[in-house]
């Protein structure tokens, strides 16, 4: 019999301001190279889900986007890297907007 693993979603979303600062400082000290989530987990003990949450709370001090090679402190990014990350985010927003519209249309057709 297979046992289903329990995942505590609430625990994954709990972060401390000091953890955001620790991640920012680590990336600032790391320099201009991109740092993967696996490298961050090995160095700081933050799993990928937590790193994404910390990034979102960093007030854009941490740069990353879908398809980027990892995470980098804003101060070490080139203009091209910032533009690329911004373009990737905009593409993600557009795709999510299209998904939202399609879902609302489907719901309307089923419920309407």
N, C-alpha and C. Protein backbone atom coordinates (compact mmCIF):
# COMPACT_ATOMS: atom_id res chain seq x y z
N UNK A 1 0.83 -1.17 0.00
CA UNK A 1 0.00 0.00 0.00
C UNK A 1 0.89 1.24 0.00
N UNK A 2 0.56 2.18 -0.86
CA UNK A 2 1.33 3.42 -0.94
C UNK A 2 0.87 4.41 0.12
N UNK A 3 1.84 4.99 0.78
CA UNK A 3 1.52 6.00 1.78
C UNK A 3 1.74 7.37 1.15
N UNK A 4 0.73 8.23 1.24
CA UNK A 4 0.85 9.57 0.67
C UNK A 4 1.68 10.45 1.59
N UNK A 5 2.64 11.15 1.00
CA UNK A 5 3.49 12.03 1.78
C UNK A 5 2.72 13.28 2.17
N UNK A 6 2.97 13.74 3.36
CA UNK A 6 2.34 14.96 3.86
C UNK A 6 3.29 16.13 3.60
N UNK A 7 2.74 17.19 3.04
CA UNK A 7 3.53 18.40 2.81
C UNK A 7 2.85 19.55 3.51
N UNK A 8 3.57 20.23 4.37
CA UNK A 8 3.03 21.34 5.14
C UNK A 8 3.23 22.63 4.36
N UNK A 9 2.19 23.05 3.62
CA UNK A 9 2.29 24.25 2.81
C UNK A 9 2.46 25.50 3.66
N UNK A 10 1.86 25.53 4.82
CA UNK A 10 1.98 26.70 5.70
C UNK A 10 3.42 26.90 6.14
N UNK A 11 4.10 25.81 6.47
CA UNK A 11 5.49 25.91 6.93
C UNK A 11 6.39 26.44 5.82
N UNK A 12 6.11 26.07 4.59
CA UNK A 12 6.95 26.52 3.48
C UNK A 12 6.82 28.02 3.24
N UNK A 13 5.70 28.60 3.63
CA UNK A 13 5.49 30.01 3.36
C UNK A 13 5.93 30.91 4.51
N UNK A 14 6.33 30.34 5.63
CA UNK A 14 6.77 31.14 6.77
C UNK A 14 8.23 31.53 6.55
N UNK A 15 8.47 32.83 6.53
CA UNK A 15 9.84 33.33 6.37
C UNK A 15 10.08 34.46 7.35
N UNK A 16 11.32 34.64 7.66
CA UNK A 16 11.74 35.72 8.56
C UNK A 16 12.46 36.78 7.73
N UNK A 17 12.34 38.03 8.15
CA UNK A 17 13.05 39.12 7.46
C UNK A 17 14.55 38.85 7.44
N UNK A 18 15.05 38.24 8.50
CA UNK A 18 16.49 37.94 8.55
C UNK A 18 16.90 36.94 7.47
N UNK A 19 15.96 36.06 7.06
CA UNK A 19 16.27 35.10 6.00
C UNK A 19 16.35 35.80 4.64
N UNK A 20 15.48 36.77 4.42
CA UNK A 20 15.56 37.57 3.19
C UNK A 20 16.91 38.28 3.14
N UNK A 21 17.28 38.90 4.25
CA UNK A 21 18.55 39.61 4.32
C UNK A 21 19.73 38.67 4.14
N UNK A 22 19.64 37.47 4.71
CA UNK A 22 20.73 36.49 4.59
C UNK A 22 20.91 36.06 3.14
N UNK A 23 19.82 35.83 2.44
CA UNK A 23 19.90 35.45 1.03
C UNK A 23 20.47 36.59 0.20
N UNK A 24 20.00 37.80 0.44
CA UNK A 24 20.52 38.96 -0.29
C UNK A 24 22.01 39.14 -0.07
N UNK A 25 22.44 39.04 1.19
CA UNK A 25 23.85 39.20 1.51
C UNK A 25 24.69 38.10 0.87
N UNK A 26 24.19 36.86 0.92
CA UNK A 26 24.92 35.75 0.31
C UNK A 26 25.13 36.01 -1.18
N UNK A 27 24.06 36.40 -1.88
CA UNK A 27 24.17 36.65 -3.32
C UNK A 27 25.03 37.87 -3.62
N UNK A 28 24.95 38.88 -2.79
CA UNK A 28 25.79 40.07 -2.98
C UNK A 28 27.26 39.69 -2.85
N UNK A 29 27.58 38.89 -1.84
CA UNK A 29 28.97 38.48 -1.63
C UNK A 29 29.46 37.48 -2.67
N UNK A 30 28.53 36.76 -3.27
CA UNK A 30 28.88 35.73 -4.25
C UNK A 30 29.41 36.36 -5.54
N UNK A 31 28.95 37.54 -5.86
CA UNK A 31 29.47 38.21 -7.05
C UNK A 31 28.56 38.06 -8.24
N UNK A 32 29.13 38.19 -9.42
CA UNK A 32 28.37 38.32 -10.66
C UNK A 32 27.84 37.00 -11.23
N UNK A 33 28.19 35.88 -10.64
CA UNK A 33 27.72 34.62 -11.21
C UNK A 33 26.31 34.28 -10.72
N UNK A 34 25.56 33.58 -11.55
CA UNK A 34 24.23 33.10 -11.17
C UNK A 34 24.40 31.97 -10.18
N UNK A 35 23.49 31.85 -9.24
CA UNK A 35 23.53 30.81 -8.22
C UNK A 35 22.25 29.99 -8.32
N UNK A 36 22.38 28.69 -8.46
CA UNK A 36 21.21 27.83 -8.61
C UNK A 36 20.53 27.60 -7.25
N UNK A 37 19.29 27.16 -7.32
CA UNK A 37 18.54 26.85 -6.10
C UNK A 37 19.23 25.73 -5.32
N UNK A 38 19.80 24.76 -6.03
CA UNK A 38 20.51 23.67 -5.34
C UNK A 38 21.73 24.19 -4.59
N UNK A 39 22.44 25.14 -5.20
CA UNK A 39 23.60 25.73 -4.52
C UNK A 39 23.15 26.52 -3.28
N UNK A 40 22.03 27.21 -3.39
CA UNK A 40 21.52 27.96 -2.25
C UNK A 40 21.06 27.03 -1.13
N UNK A 41 20.46 25.92 -1.51
CA UNK A 41 20.03 24.96 -0.49
C UNK A 41 21.24 24.39 0.25
N UNK A 42 22.29 24.07 -0.51
CA UNK A 42 23.50 23.52 0.12
C UNK A 42 24.18 24.55 1.02
N UNK A 43 24.18 25.80 0.60
CA UNK A 43 24.89 26.84 1.36
C UNK A 43 24.07 27.38 2.54
N UNK A 44 22.76 27.56 2.32
CA UNK A 44 21.94 28.24 3.32
C UNK A 44 20.84 27.38 3.93
N UNK A 45 20.58 26.22 3.31
CA UNK A 45 19.55 25.34 3.84
C UNK A 45 18.13 25.72 3.42
N UNK A 46 17.98 26.66 2.48
CA UNK A 46 16.67 27.07 1.99
C UNK A 46 16.31 26.23 0.78
N UNK A 47 15.15 25.53 0.82
CA UNK A 47 14.75 24.76 -0.35
C UNK A 47 14.24 25.71 -1.44
N UNK A 48 13.98 25.16 -2.63
CA UNK A 48 13.61 25.96 -3.79
C UNK A 48 12.35 26.79 -3.52
N UNK A 49 11.37 26.19 -2.88
CA UNK A 49 10.12 26.90 -2.58
C UNK A 49 10.39 28.11 -1.68
N UNK A 50 11.25 27.92 -0.70
CA UNK A 50 11.56 29.02 0.22
C UNK A 50 12.36 30.10 -0.48
N UNK A 51 13.30 29.70 -1.33
CA UNK A 51 14.10 30.68 -2.08
C UNK A 51 13.18 31.55 -2.94
N UNK A 52 12.20 30.93 -3.60
CA UNK A 52 11.26 31.70 -4.43
C UNK A 52 10.48 32.69 -3.57
N UNK A 53 10.06 32.26 -2.38
CA UNK A 53 9.33 33.14 -1.48
C UNK A 53 10.23 34.28 -1.01
N UNK A 54 11.45 33.98 -0.63
CA UNK A 54 12.39 35.01 -0.19
C UNK A 54 12.68 36.00 -1.31
N UNK A 55 12.82 35.50 -2.53
CA UNK A 55 13.03 36.37 -3.68
C UNK A 55 11.87 37.34 -3.84
N UNK A 56 10.66 36.83 -3.68
CA UNK A 56 9.47 37.67 -3.87
C UNK A 56 9.38 38.76 -2.79
N UNK A 57 9.98 38.52 -1.64
CA UNK A 57 9.97 39.50 -0.55
C UNK A 57 11.20 40.40 -0.52
N UNK A 58 12.09 40.23 -1.48
CA UNK A 58 13.37 40.94 -1.46
C UNK A 58 13.30 42.36 -2.02
N UNK A 59 12.13 42.80 -2.43
CA UNK A 59 11.98 44.13 -3.04
C UNK A 59 12.92 44.27 -4.25
N UNK A 60 12.98 43.21 -5.04
CA UNK A 60 13.75 43.14 -6.28
C UNK A 60 15.26 43.25 -6.08
N UNK A 61 15.73 43.01 -4.86
CA UNK A 61 17.18 42.92 -4.66
C UNK A 61 17.72 41.63 -5.26
N UNK A 62 16.84 40.62 -5.35
CA UNK A 62 17.22 39.34 -5.95
C UNK A 62 16.54 39.24 -7.30
N UNK A 63 17.32 38.91 -8.32
CA UNK A 63 16.81 38.82 -9.69
C UNK A 63 16.77 37.36 -10.11
N UNK A 64 15.63 36.97 -10.67
CA UNK A 64 15.44 35.65 -11.26
C UNK A 64 14.12 35.69 -11.99
N UNK A 65 13.94 34.79 -12.91
CA UNK A 65 12.69 34.67 -13.66
C UNK A 65 12.67 33.30 -14.31
N UNK A 66 11.51 32.86 -14.79
CA UNK A 66 11.46 31.56 -15.46
C UNK A 66 12.50 31.49 -16.58
N UNK A 67 13.28 30.43 -16.57
CA UNK A 67 14.30 30.23 -17.59
C UNK A 67 15.65 30.86 -17.29
N UNK A 68 15.74 31.63 -16.21
CA UNK A 68 17.04 32.19 -15.82
C UNK A 68 17.91 31.06 -15.25
N UNK A 69 19.22 31.22 -15.33
CA UNK A 69 20.09 30.15 -14.83
C UNK A 69 20.18 30.07 -13.31
N UNK A 70 19.47 30.91 -12.60
CA UNK A 70 19.50 30.87 -11.14
C UNK A 70 19.07 32.20 -10.56
N UNK A 71 19.76 32.58 -9.50
CA UNK A 71 19.47 33.80 -8.76
C UNK A 71 20.73 34.66 -8.70
N UNK A 72 20.52 35.98 -8.69
CA UNK A 72 21.65 36.90 -8.64
C UNK A 72 21.20 38.17 -7.93
N UNK A 73 22.11 38.80 -7.20
CA UNK A 73 21.79 40.07 -6.57
C UNK A 73 21.70 41.14 -7.65
N UNK A 74 20.73 42.03 -7.50
CA UNK A 74 20.48 43.09 -8.48
C UNK A 74 21.75 43.89 -8.79
N UNK A 75 22.56 44.17 -7.79
CA UNK A 75 23.76 44.98 -7.99
C UNK A 75 24.78 44.34 -8.92
N UNK A 76 24.68 43.03 -9.12
CA UNK A 76 25.63 42.34 -9.98
C UNK A 76 25.07 42.07 -11.38
N UNK A 77 23.83 42.47 -11.63
CA UNK A 77 23.20 42.22 -12.93
C UNK A 77 23.60 43.27 -13.95
N UNK A 78 23.75 42.82 -15.17
CA UNK A 78 23.93 43.76 -16.27
C UNK A 78 22.55 44.28 -16.69
N UNK A 79 22.54 45.35 -17.45
CA UNK A 79 21.28 45.88 -17.97
C UNK A 79 20.59 44.82 -18.83
N UNK A 80 21.36 44.10 -19.61
CA UNK A 80 20.79 43.05 -20.47
C UNK A 80 20.14 41.95 -19.62
N UNK A 81 20.76 41.56 -18.51
CA UNK A 81 20.18 40.53 -17.64
C UNK A 81 18.89 41.01 -16.99
N UNK A 82 18.86 42.26 -16.58
CA UNK A 82 17.65 42.81 -15.98
C UNK A 82 16.54 42.88 -17.02
N UNK A 83 16.87 43.35 -18.21
CA UNK A 83 15.87 43.40 -19.28
C UNK A 83 15.36 42.01 -19.64
N UNK A 84 16.24 41.02 -19.68
CA UNK A 84 15.83 39.65 -19.99
C UNK A 84 14.92 39.09 -18.91
N UNK A 85 15.27 39.30 -17.64
CA UNK A 85 14.43 38.82 -16.54
C UNK A 85 13.07 39.50 -16.57
N UNK A 86 13.05 40.80 -16.85
CA UNK A 86 11.78 41.53 -16.93
C UNK A 86 10.93 41.01 -18.09
N UNK A 87 11.55 40.75 -19.23
CA UNK A 87 10.82 40.22 -20.39
C UNK A 87 10.25 38.84 -20.09
N UNK A 88 11.01 38.02 -19.40
CA UNK A 88 10.53 36.68 -19.03
C UNK A 88 9.35 36.77 -18.08
N UNK A 89 9.39 37.71 -17.14
CA UNK A 89 8.27 37.91 -16.22
C UNK A 89 7.03 38.38 -16.98
N UNK A 90 7.21 39.31 -17.91
CA UNK A 90 6.08 39.80 -18.69
C UNK A 90 5.46 38.68 -19.50
N UNK A 91 6.29 37.82 -20.07
CA UNK A 91 5.78 36.67 -20.81
C UNK A 91 4.97 35.76 -19.89
N UNK A 92 5.46 35.55 -18.68
CA UNK A 92 4.75 34.73 -17.69
C UNK A 92 3.41 35.37 -17.34
N UNK A 93 3.39 36.68 -17.15
CA UNK A 93 2.14 37.39 -16.84
C UNK A 93 1.14 37.20 -17.96
N UNK A 94 1.58 37.34 -19.20
CA UNK A 94 0.68 37.19 -20.34
C UNK A 94 0.12 35.77 -20.42
N UNK A 95 0.98 34.78 -20.20
CA UNK A 95 0.52 33.39 -20.25
C UNK A 95 -0.49 33.12 -19.14
N UNK A 96 -0.22 33.63 -17.95
CA UNK A 96 -1.15 33.42 -16.84
C UNK A 96 -2.47 34.16 -17.10
N UNK A 97 -2.40 35.33 -17.71
CA UNK A 97 -3.61 36.06 -18.07
C UNK A 97 -4.45 35.30 -19.06
N UNK A 98 -3.81 34.69 -20.05
CA UNK A 98 -4.53 33.87 -21.03
C UNK A 98 -5.18 32.66 -20.36
N UNK A 99 -4.45 32.03 -19.46
CA UNK A 99 -5.01 30.89 -18.72
C UNK A 99 -6.21 31.33 -17.88
N UNK A 100 -6.11 32.48 -17.27
CA UNK A 100 -7.20 33.01 -16.46
C UNK A 100 -8.45 33.22 -17.32
N UNK A 101 -8.27 33.86 -18.45
CA UNK A 101 -9.41 34.13 -19.34
C UNK A 101 -10.05 32.83 -19.82
N UNK A 102 -9.23 31.86 -20.20
CA UNK A 102 -9.75 30.57 -20.66
C UNK A 102 -10.52 29.86 -19.55
N UNK A 103 -10.01 29.90 -18.34
CA UNK A 103 -10.69 29.28 -17.21
C UNK A 103 -12.02 29.96 -16.92
N UNK A 104 -12.04 31.28 -16.95
CA UNK A 104 -13.28 32.02 -16.70
C UNK A 104 -14.32 31.71 -17.79
N UNK A 105 -13.90 31.61 -19.04
CA UNK A 105 -14.81 31.27 -20.14
C UNK A 105 -15.38 29.88 -19.94
N UNK A 106 -14.52 28.94 -19.57
CA UNK A 106 -14.99 27.58 -19.32
C UNK A 106 -15.98 27.54 -18.16
N UNK A 107 -15.63 28.21 -17.09
CA UNK A 107 -16.53 28.25 -15.92
C UNK A 107 -17.87 28.89 -16.29
N UNK A 108 -17.82 29.94 -17.07
CA UNK A 108 -19.04 30.62 -17.49
C UNK A 108 -19.93 29.70 -18.34
N UNK A 109 -19.29 28.95 -19.23
CA UNK A 109 -20.05 28.05 -20.09
C UNK A 109 -20.67 26.90 -19.30
N UNK A 110 -19.98 26.46 -18.23
CA UNK A 110 -20.49 25.37 -17.41
C UNK A 110 -21.50 25.82 -16.38
N UNK A 111 -21.27 27.00 -15.84
CA UNK A 111 -22.10 27.49 -14.74
C UNK A 111 -23.14 28.52 -15.16
N UNK A 112 -22.89 29.12 -16.31
CA UNK A 112 -23.66 30.26 -16.73
C UNK A 112 -25.00 30.08 -17.23
